[in-house]
Each structure stands twice: as structure tokens, then as C-alpha cells.
């Protein structure tokens, strides 16, 4: 087991975030990209997307898809294209808002109370002057219930015999006076989700003789311009009650309330992930496992962080996940890292799930007879590639339900494809990691011997580019906003010493302008593997020679820069760029040209046993050493940028001069494979923005202001020339190419002409589109009848298609 020194943390959230972004990029229709120029503030190379790694994730079969506004366009021989420019027809600046409404239900229950009362009342009169209202109210035995917002109130009352005498009060002009005398009043008030019950029960037996003698009320009111009036009322009331008995009267009120209960059932996540960092839990605690027969952990795991699961067949060890995962009638992808220490000449299970041992209801992810095997118990995909022992391998198992196709990946590359007649149909069954638990057997069997790490599931079919990135994109550092975090799939975060964040090639970069500054990340397991291919991509900006020459990237087995150590990219004493490795004690290097000061330069250095060291500068291959093999540290390595630390005095450097690098660095990517010419061109999508290289004005005006659509046919201009365009009006133009029709030109929906069929040979890599100016191409590119120079006017609604548009499609665009 190789040792690993540092780790990845929060692997899946980062990974899922990237995969969602990649999926969105890849699932866009490859036939159309629409750019609204209203949103383009500065048509310049700096508007390119920071996450340029997305270009690598686009399947290379789709390189003809164009990305507009100084973006990358893959120019493939014979690929039909169409470009349209016209006036704006849509409502600009508008947006759509999505609103979610929540409705609450309030249920109120009201009870009715019946009260039995015997009352004898004597009331005096009321007197008031002009504009004076006097009210006398006598109420007996009153029950009031007030409820607000989901309140239930129940009142049960029995009242006794009551005798009440009330005298009124007089009020003056414009004043209303009310005197209320109440006897036996019960009030219950409840608010805001409260239930209150008040019960009053009174049993009274009364023998009463009551005599009420005169009550006199005298009221005098004086108001301006009003005659004062005095009214006197005398009332005498005599009430006699002999042996009056009041029985208890009880009224029961029953309230009925209606409540609405909403139950939300949590939907299981569409992904599962086990990091095995000293436990068997799923990252989201939904599909947690249990270790069976005492499996152990080895530390660190593949990522250089935490640990990995260690199981062996002798002790029948595995992890059991009892929570079922329904995978029937759906696409899915399983990925994991595995390190076999022993393989039997039959089945070695990495992951299994079985509902019942019948066709398409069992899942087997395993190595059968030393090669990868992806089986549905009857529909099987068996790779012929042998898996080696005692090293980490990335395995990918992808099932595309839409095509019923299974794919097997080993270390990022497809090794098997199989299309079945029926879909996978298992909707239950325990998941076993390190064994298969066939429900027809008493115990699991076909155990794994070795280590397992980073086991992941997602309920969709990943693309080949995504799996390749998961397996080989070791790390990606954008350095945005002073961050040293790894945005790749492994989360190998770095540290910076005395670094400054500054404006970079894309967003922000790190600045080194003094001694002792560097960036460092450790835990690169694959870079320490013997014969393992790699590619390292970076942008550099050399400020001045003031601080000497310098190491750009130093690789070592120790964080001090020592141990197994090698500067793999740097500058010579004459500022030449050098890519380097070690071949049997001798430097194997490619020496490039002197790099200019004060400009950004894109560099890729790579190694493979087939090509040896290769060096690319601004998308151009500088050279290759030829094939050789080398033996690195055998463990995880450390990368240090800008400084070789103690390695300055103790590591062989070839032609690279030791010392501090002076300048800026941006967009560091590390791959555990050799990039192809096309792939590194995609990464360097900002390299060629001068208008030079392979160059051609495909649409422009002649010296007499005629519209011209142009392409190149075996060294000659193939063009269609239209009429003179009028000034001061919007004109819609489409120029297209196909091998069938050649160049065609449309103006305001009408076909102007066609060159007839021909084929042409573009650059073979991603191209750049520039609107309104051919830049340096004004003096160095063939233009046919198109006049070089700056365009003066307005442009809107640019669309680029990777196909030739039909006449009806063109007409629709011109006449929305």
C-alpha cells in the first residue's frame, strides 16, 4: 500500500457541483448557441469563463459546437456552419420571476352557550339636551367568547336569580355617553393558536324578599344658545319574592374542530457516497452501512486524506447497507477507487445489490478473471483489460437507460460497451460493498481483497468526459479571490506563503515579487506512481529579471522540497522555458524559446512512456524527448510553485536555474494522463486572440459596401457578393457553409447566392471569433473581396450553428 500524505475533504459536494455545471454544458443542444450582445460589455478575451476545464469535458465529437463572443469554436474539416447577425427583436432587459405560494388553513370552532336566568330589573329614564345622546343599557347574565386564528373555546354556564337596578347618566352636546351594567358575565378571549375552556357551574338556592324604594335621577345640562332643562324622574318599584329557588341549569356545548395535517416525506437523494474516513456512513446519512466481520481502515486513503476501507476474502469482510436503493428503469453511474492486493481467478466483488437472482435484478460491479465486469445477472459487460495488483485504479460503471447500454471504464477510459434487450429492474435488495449478497444464498460471497475508497453513485449516466475527469483530473486551482482551494474532484487544497492576489489571466492570480514566496499542495498519489502519465497546465506572467530566473513547478516527496525531487517546469539562465523529467539519472528535457516579459503565456508540460516529455507554449508543441520510463517516489508527491525551497541546493535541475520565480501564475491544472493536442488546445482557449494564425474574414464589406460571405477553397477565395447595403437601417444577414452547397449568403431572408460544393481545411483546433475588427489579421490574413479595417455601426442578435440552416429557418430568423 503506497503511503499518501494529504487529503481531499468534502469530495462529493464539490464534485457534484462541478458535475452539475458540466452536465448543463454538455446537455445544451450542440447545434445552436445564442448570444445576446446586450450582455457583452467588453468583447475581449477576458470575458471567457473562468472554469475553462469545462471545454475538456465536452465530448470531442462535438468540437464543432461554437461558443460565441470571443470564445472557442472547434473548426472541423467539412463541418457545416451557419452564422446570423440581425436586429434585436426580443424584449430586452426583461426577466421572469418564479413565485412559490404557501396557503395556510385556519379552523375556528365556536360553541353555543345556553343560559337560564330569572331577572327583575328597575331602570330609570334618560334625559339629554340638544345634540346629546344618552344610552342606558342593562344586561344580565351575558357570556362572550372571542376567538382569533385557530382557537377553540367552550363555555358552559349556569346562572342564578339576579335582581338589578340601573340608573342612567346624561351627557352633553356632541358627546355620546353609554353606561352599561352587567351581571353574571363570563368572557373568554383566545388568540394565536391557543385553546381555552372556561366552565362556570353555580347551584344556588335563595329565599329572598326584596324591596326597592325610590331612585331619583336629576340631570341638568347647559349648552350655549340652549335652554337649560332639568328633568327629574322618580320611580318606585317593589318586588317581593317568597321562597324562590333556582335550580342548577347546565348547558353542555360541544365544539367540533377541523384540522389539516400536512405530512412531507423526505425523498432519498439521487446520489450516495462513502468516503470510508474511519466509518461506514454515507455522506448524507441516508445509506449508512455496517461493517460485517470486522473490516478495518487504512490511512491515508486514495486522496491522501482520511482513510480507505480494508477488507479481505479470508475473513468474509464487507460493508452492508440495508437501506434499499431503487435503481429500476433509470440511468445511473457507479464510480470508486480500488486497490487490489489479491485477485482470485473468478469473481472479486467491489459493489453488489441483488433483489432476486434472476435476469436484470442483480447488480455486480467486480473483477472477473482479472478484468472488469459489469453485470445485471444475464446482461453483462466484460472488459478484456487486465487489472494490475497493488496500485490504485479508478473504476466507472455507467448505465444509460435511454439506450439500455452499459459502459465499463478503467482509469477514465472505456473498456467495454454492451446493449441489452431489457432494462435493469431491481428496486430493492441490500447494497454490499466488498461482496455480493444474493438473496438466494444464506450468506454473501465473492469477496474483495484489498482497499476500497470514494465509492459514489449518481442517478444519471455520466458522459465519457466526466468519467475521464473524475479519474484523471487530479487538481485544479483557479487562485480566484486569493483562494488556494482545489476545484477538481479530489479536493487537494493547497497553502500559500506570503502570496498576494492580483488581477490574473482569468479573474485573479497569485503574485510572487519577493524571496520566500510560494504555493504548495501535497497528496498527489498518482504523480508518485511509476510510469504514470501526467500533464500540468499553467499560465505564467514573468514580470522582470530582477529576482533571477526561477523554478515554476517543483515536485518532491517531502514538503521541504527534498526527498525524491525534481523541478519539472522552469526557466534557464537565459529565460528559456524548460519542461523536464529524469531518465535513468540523466535530465530528459525540452528547451523552448525565451519567454517575453510583461505578457501572459500558457504552458503545458506532460509525460508519457510513449512520448516522454512534451512541452507546449500557447497551444503550439515545442518538442518532445521521445519515449522513456522513469521511477518517481512511489508515494504521494508534493508540488511547489515559484520556489524549490531546500531543493535549490540538493536536487538535480538540468538546465533549469534554481531560485525564486518573479511574476504571476494562474489557472493551474494537474492531470494523471497525457493530454492530446486537441485537449490542450481546449484548455488554452485564450491563447490565440490576436486575429492571426489560421485566419479568415467570413463576413464583411467590399470597398463599395457590398455584403460578402467568404470561405477558402484550396488557397482561393470562395465567396458570394451581394448588393450594396443601405445606410441607417437594420439588415439581417446569414452566411453558411456545407460541403454540399459551399458558401451561401442570405440578406433579409432572401438567398443571394451560393458558391457550389467544395471542402475546406480549417485550423484543426478551437478558433476565435472577433466582431468588428480583424486585429493583426488586417495585414496578415487573406481577405478576398472583403476590405480590411474597423466596422462602424451596430450589431445585434448573433447566432452560430454547427449546421447549415434551411431556407425556412433563415426566413423565420429574418422575420420574427
Foldseek 3Di string as FASTA:
>chain_A
DFAFADFAPPQPVLLVVVQVVLCVVQPPDLFWDWDFCVPPPDLDLQVDDLPLCSLLLHPPVSQQRDDDRFFWGFDDWQFWKKWWFFDDDDDPPDDDDDDDDDDDDFKEWEWDEDEDEAEDEDEDDADEFPQWAWDEEEEEQEEEEEEETNEYEWEKEYDYYDYDYDYTDTDYHPDYDYDYDYYNYHYDYDYDNDYDYDYDWDADFDADFDFFAKDKDWDWYDDVVTDIDIDIDIDGDGDTDGRDGDGTDIDGIDIDIDDDDDDDDDDDDQKWKAFPLVAQATPVRPQGKDKDQDWGWDPDDQRNDRTWTFDAQVSPIWIKGQDWAFQALFKKKKKWKFAAQDDDQAWWFFKKWAPALDALRIWGFTAGRQWTKTGRNVFIKTFPDGDDHGDIKMWMWTAASVQQKIFIDILLHTRTIGHDPDHRGHGTGMMMGQFYAHVVDPGTHNGGGGTIGTIMMGGHGRDSSSSNQLRWFSFKAFCAPNAQWTSGSITQGKDWDPWDWDQDSHHIWIFDADPPTKIKTWGAFLVQAWQFKKKKKKKWAAADCPFFWFQFKKKAADPQLDDQIERQWTAFRQQWTKGWDDAPNDIQMQTHDHDDHPDIKMWMWIAGQAFGIWIDILLHTRDTSGGGTDHGDNHMMMMMGQASRVCQVPPDYPRHHHGGGGGIMGIIIMTRHDDDSQSVCSSSRSRDDQLDDQHEDQWAAFPQQWTKGWDDAPNDIQIFTHDHDDPDDMKMWMWMARQAFGIWIDILLHTRDTSGGGIDDTDSYIDTDDPQASHVCQPPPDYPRHHHDGDDDDIGTIMMTSHDDDSVVSNVVSPD
